[in-house]
Amino acid sequence: MSGFGYRVIGGKAERVAIETALDQPADLVWVHLSNSDAGAQAWLANEAKLADYVVDALTAVETRPRCEAFDAGALLNLRGR
């Protein structure tokens, strides 16, 4: 799967592979995925265990920029190159 992630612990960020991004507790985890990657939707649902509506919003073909709080996190959808 293509993409990258960052894990922030104690104010320090480290770049991590997507496959290990959720392996340890962190203050913040940022994962950058391409919705053109077939494995992205499966990772979001099965590994990140996000709600279906969040997975749908993150992998939609047509999106609008938005930020929405949910549970203990936030959905952030950005557009651009």
C-alpha atoms as a PDB file:
ATOM      1  CA  MET A   1       0.000   0.000   0.000  1.00  0.00           C
ATOM      2  CA  SER A   2       1.367   3.418  -0.878  1.00  0.00           C
ATOM      3  CA  GLY A   3       1.430   6.338   1.509  1.00  0.00           C
ATOM      4  CA  PHE A   4       3.161   7.331   4.734  1.00  0.00           C
ATOM      5  CA  GLY A   5       2.418   8.102   8.331  1.00  0.00           C
ATOM      6  CA  TYR A   6       3.621  10.144  11.284  1.00  0.00           C
ATOM      7  CA  ARG A   7       3.291   9.281  14.945  1.00  0.00           C
ATOM      8  CA  VAL A   8       3.595  12.112  17.486  1.00  0.00           C
ATOM      9  CA  ILE A   9       4.563  11.269  21.057  1.00  0.00           C
ATOM     10  CA  GLY A  10       5.525  13.908  23.603  1.00  0.00           C
ATOM     11  CA  GLY A  11       5.754  16.628  20.974  1.00  0.00           C
ATOM     12  CA  LYS A  12       8.159  14.656  18.781  1.00  0.00           C
ATOM     13  CA  ALA A  13       7.087  13.357  15.383  1.00  0.00           C
ATOM     14  CA  GLU A  14       8.560  10.333  13.682  1.00  0.00           C
ATOM     15  CA  ARG A  15       7.832   9.124  10.193  1.00  0.00           C
ATOM     16  CA  VAL A  16       6.482   5.568  10.244  1.00  0.00           C
ATOM     17  CA  ALA A  17       5.245   3.004   7.774  1.00  0.00           C
ATOM     18  CA  ILE A  18       1.483   2.811   7.466  1.00  0.00           C
ATOM     19  CA  GLU A  19       1.581  -0.807   8.595  1.00  0.00           C
ATOM     20  CA  THR A  20       3.131   0.207  11.957  1.00  0.00           C
ATOM     21  CA  ALA A  21       1.442   3.591  12.489  1.00  0.00           C
ATOM     22  CA  LEU A  22      -1.029   2.212  15.033  1.00  0.00           C
ATOM     23  CA  ASP A  23       1.305  -0.225  16.809  1.00  0.00           C
ATOM     24  CA  GLN A  24       1.856   1.947  19.882  1.00  0.00           C
ATOM     25  CA  PRO A  25      -0.117   4.594  21.758  1.00  0.00           C
ATOM     26  CA  ALA A  26       0.523   8.135  20.544  1.00  0.00           C
ATOM     27  CA  ASP A  27      -0.699  11.675  21.055  1.00  0.00           C
ATOM     28  CA  LEU A  28      -1.463  11.932  17.335  1.00  0.00           C
ATOM     29  CA  VAL A  29      -1.218   9.620  14.341  1.00  0.00           C
ATOM     30  CA  TRP A  30      -1.360  11.052  10.817  1.00  0.00           C
ATOM     31  CA  VAL A  31      -1.710   8.613   7.930  1.00  0.00           C
ATOM     32  CA  HIS A  32      -1.601   9.791   4.330  1.00  0.00           C
ATOM     33  CA  LEU A  33      -3.202   7.338   1.900  1.00  0.00           C
ATOM     34  CA  SER A  34      -4.161   7.538  -1.739  1.00  0.00           C
ATOM     35  CA  ASN A  35      -7.801   6.681  -2.349  1.00  0.00           C
ATOM     36  CA  SER A  36      -6.729   5.198  -5.683  1.00  0.00           C
ATOM     37  CA  ASP A  37      -4.951   2.437  -3.735  1.00  0.00           C
ATOM     38  CA  ALA A  38      -7.193  -0.628  -3.427  1.00  0.00           C
ATOM     39  CA  GLY A  39      -5.827  -1.415   0.041  1.00  0.00           C
ATOM     40  CA  ALA A  40      -6.620   1.997   1.520  1.00  0.00           C
ATOM     41  CA  GLN A  41     -10.301   1.331   2.221  1.00  0.00           C
ATOM     42  CA  ALA A  42      -9.532  -2.074   3.741  1.00  0.00           C
ATOM     43  CA  TRP A  43      -6.802  -0.599   5.982  1.00  0.00           C
ATOM     44  CA  LEU A  44      -9.084   2.196   7.195  1.00  0.00           C
ATOM     45  CA  ALA A  45     -11.874  -0.246   8.061  1.00  0.00           C
ATOM     46  CA  ASN A  46      -9.919  -3.251   9.319  1.00  0.00           C
ATOM     47  CA  GLU A  47      -6.701  -1.844  10.822  1.00  0.00           C
ATOM     48  CA  ALA A  48      -7.720   1.674  11.876  1.00  0.00           C
ATOM     49  CA  LYS A  49     -11.213   0.378  12.752  1.00  0.00           C
ATOM     50  CA  LEU A  50     -12.927   3.543  11.581  1.00  0.00           C
ATOM     51  CA  ALA A  51     -16.696   3.774  11.302  1.00  0.00           C
ATOM     52  CA  ASP A  52     -18.155   3.060   7.869  1.00  0.00           C
ATOM     53  CA  TYR A  53     -19.246   6.679   7.343  1.00  0.00           C
ATOM     54  CA  VAL A  54     -15.697   7.888   8.037  1.00  0.00           C
ATOM     55  CA  VAL A  55     -14.185   5.361   5.603  1.00  0.00           C
ATOM     56  CA  ASP A  56     -16.756   6.388   2.988  1.00  0.00           C
ATOM     57  CA  ALA A  57     -15.932  10.090   3.471  1.00  0.00           C
ATOM     58  CA  LEU A  58     -12.180   9.515   3.247  1.00  0.00           C
ATOM     59  CA  THR A  59     -12.367   7.348   0.125  1.00  0.00           C
ATOM     60  CA  ALA A  60     -15.077   9.197  -1.804  1.00  0.00           C
ATOM     61  CA  VAL A  61     -14.241  10.044  -5.405  1.00  0.00           C
ATOM     62  CA  GLU A  62     -15.767  13.518  -5.165  1.00  0.00           C
ATOM     63  CA  THR A  63     -14.897  15.333  -1.936  1.00  0.00           C
ATOM     64  CA  ARG A  64     -15.136  18.760  -0.410  1.00  0.00           C
ATOM     65  CA  PRO A  65     -12.681  20.102   2.135  1.00  0.00           C
ATOM     66  CA  ARG A  66     -14.062  19.484   5.609  1.00  0.00           C
ATOM     67  CA  CYS A  67     -13.154  18.843   9.215  1.00  0.00           C
ATOM     68  CA  GLU A  68     -15.491  16.945  11.527  1.00  0.00           C
ATOM     69  CA  ALA A  69     -14.945  15.766  15.113  1.00  0.00           C
ATOM     70  CA  PHE A  70     -15.950  12.196  15.945  1.00  0.00           C
ATOM     71  CA  ASP A  71     -15.290   9.969  18.968  1.00  0.00           C
ATOM     72  CA  ALA A  72     -11.722  10.717  20.066  1.00  0.00           C
ATOM     73  CA  GLY A  73     -10.560  11.944  16.667  1.00  0.00           C
ATOM     74  CA  ALA A  74     -11.264  14.126  13.681  1.00  0.00           C
ATOM     75  CA  LEU A  75     -11.987  13.592  10.007  1.00  0.00           C
ATOM     76  CA  LEU A  76      -9.930  15.967   7.876  1.00  0.00           C
ATOM     77  CA  ASN A  77     -10.448  15.925   4.125  1.00  0.00           C
ATOM     78  CA  LEU A  78      -8.176  18.131   2.017  1.00  0.00           C
ATOM     79  CA  ARG A  79      -7.996  18.573  -1.729  1.00  0.00           C
ATOM     80  CA  GLY A  80      -5.120  19.490  -3.916  1.00  0.00           C
ATOM     81  CA  ARG A  81      -1.887  18.111  -5.218  1.00  0.00           C
END
